[in-house]
Protein backbone atom coordinates (compact mmCIF):
# COMPACT_ATOMS: atom_id res chain seq x y z
CA MET A 1 31.42 -40.17 13.25
CA HIS A 2 32.48 -43.75 12.57
CA SER A 3 33.11 -42.99 8.89
CA ALA A 4 35.29 -40.02 9.81
CA PHE A 5 37.56 -42.22 11.91
CA ARG A 6 37.62 -44.84 9.16
CA GLN A 7 38.73 -42.20 6.63
CA VAL A 8 41.56 -41.12 8.94
CA LEU A 9 42.72 -44.72 9.34
CA LYS A 10 42.77 -45.08 5.55
CA ALA A 11 44.92 -41.91 5.41
CA GLU A 12 42.23 -39.99 3.51
CA ARG A 13 41.54 -36.32 4.19
CA SER A 14 38.43 -36.01 6.32
CA SER A 15 36.75 -32.67 6.92
CA SER A 16 34.25 -34.24 9.33
CA PHE A 17 37.09 -35.51 11.52
CA LEU A 18 38.69 -32.07 11.53
CA ALA A 19 35.34 -30.56 12.53
CA TYR A 20 35.12 -33.11 15.36
CA LEU A 21 38.60 -32.16 16.58
CA LEU A 22 37.74 -28.45 16.40
CA ALA A 23 34.56 -28.97 18.46
CA LEU A 24 36.47 -31.06 20.99
CA GLY A 25 39.19 -28.43 21.32
CA CYS A 26 36.68 -25.58 21.74
CA GLN A 27 34.81 -27.55 24.39
CA LEU A 28 38.02 -28.32 26.25
CA VAL A 29 39.13 -24.69 26.34
CA LEU A 30 35.71 -23.15 27.08
CA VAL A 31 34.70 -25.52 29.89
CA ASN A 32 38.05 -25.10 31.63
CA ALA A 33 37.95 -21.31 31.20
CA LEU A 34 34.41 -21.12 32.63
CA ALA A 35 35.38 -23.37 35.54
CA GLU A 36 38.46 -21.28 36.27
CA ALA A 37 36.38 -18.07 36.20
CA ARG A 38 33.92 -19.73 38.63
CA PHE A 39 31.00 -19.39 36.18
CA LEU A 40 30.68 -23.17 36.02
CA VAL A 41 31.01 -25.77 38.74
CA VAL A 42 32.30 -29.09 37.46
CA PRO A 43 31.59 -31.80 40.04
CA VAL A 44 34.15 -34.58 40.16
CA PRO A 45 32.70 -37.72 41.74
CA PRO A 46 35.00 -39.88 43.84
CA LEU A 47 36.52 -42.85 42.03
CA THR A 48 35.72 -46.20 43.53
CA TRP A 49 38.54 -48.54 42.55
CA LEU A 50 36.58 -51.74 43.04
CA ALA A 51 33.73 -50.58 40.79
CA ALA A 52 36.18 -49.39 38.12
CA THR A 53 38.10 -52.68 38.20
CA VAL A 54 35.02 -54.90 38.08
CA GLY A 55 33.44 -52.77 35.35
CA GLY A 56 36.61 -52.85 33.28
CA LEU A 57 36.91 -56.61 33.60
CA MET A 58 33.26 -57.11 32.67
CA PHE A 59 33.70 -54.86 29.63
CA GLY A 60 36.88 -56.66 28.58
CA PHE A 61 35.33 -60.11 28.91
CA GLY A 62 32.28 -58.92 26.99
CA MET A 63 34.44 -57.62 24.16
CA VAL A 64 36.38 -60.88 23.95
CA TRP A 65 33.22 -62.94 24.20
CA ALA A 66 31.58 -60.93 21.39
CA LYS A 67 34.79 -61.15 19.31
CA GLY A 68 34.90 -57.34 19.17
């Protein structure tokens, strides 16, 4: 998958990236359609703001520290 994104950034035509977008689009439509028809229950956990903030800061510091 990494090479497909790299090809897109170089402005080359990438069939693997197009396949990735097609799979993502199908998944988006099918999961929402199944959830709307009540064939699939999609649990949405509550968002804890403190955990999200601390986790984001830890990730950001780690990326800077690793020079990523």
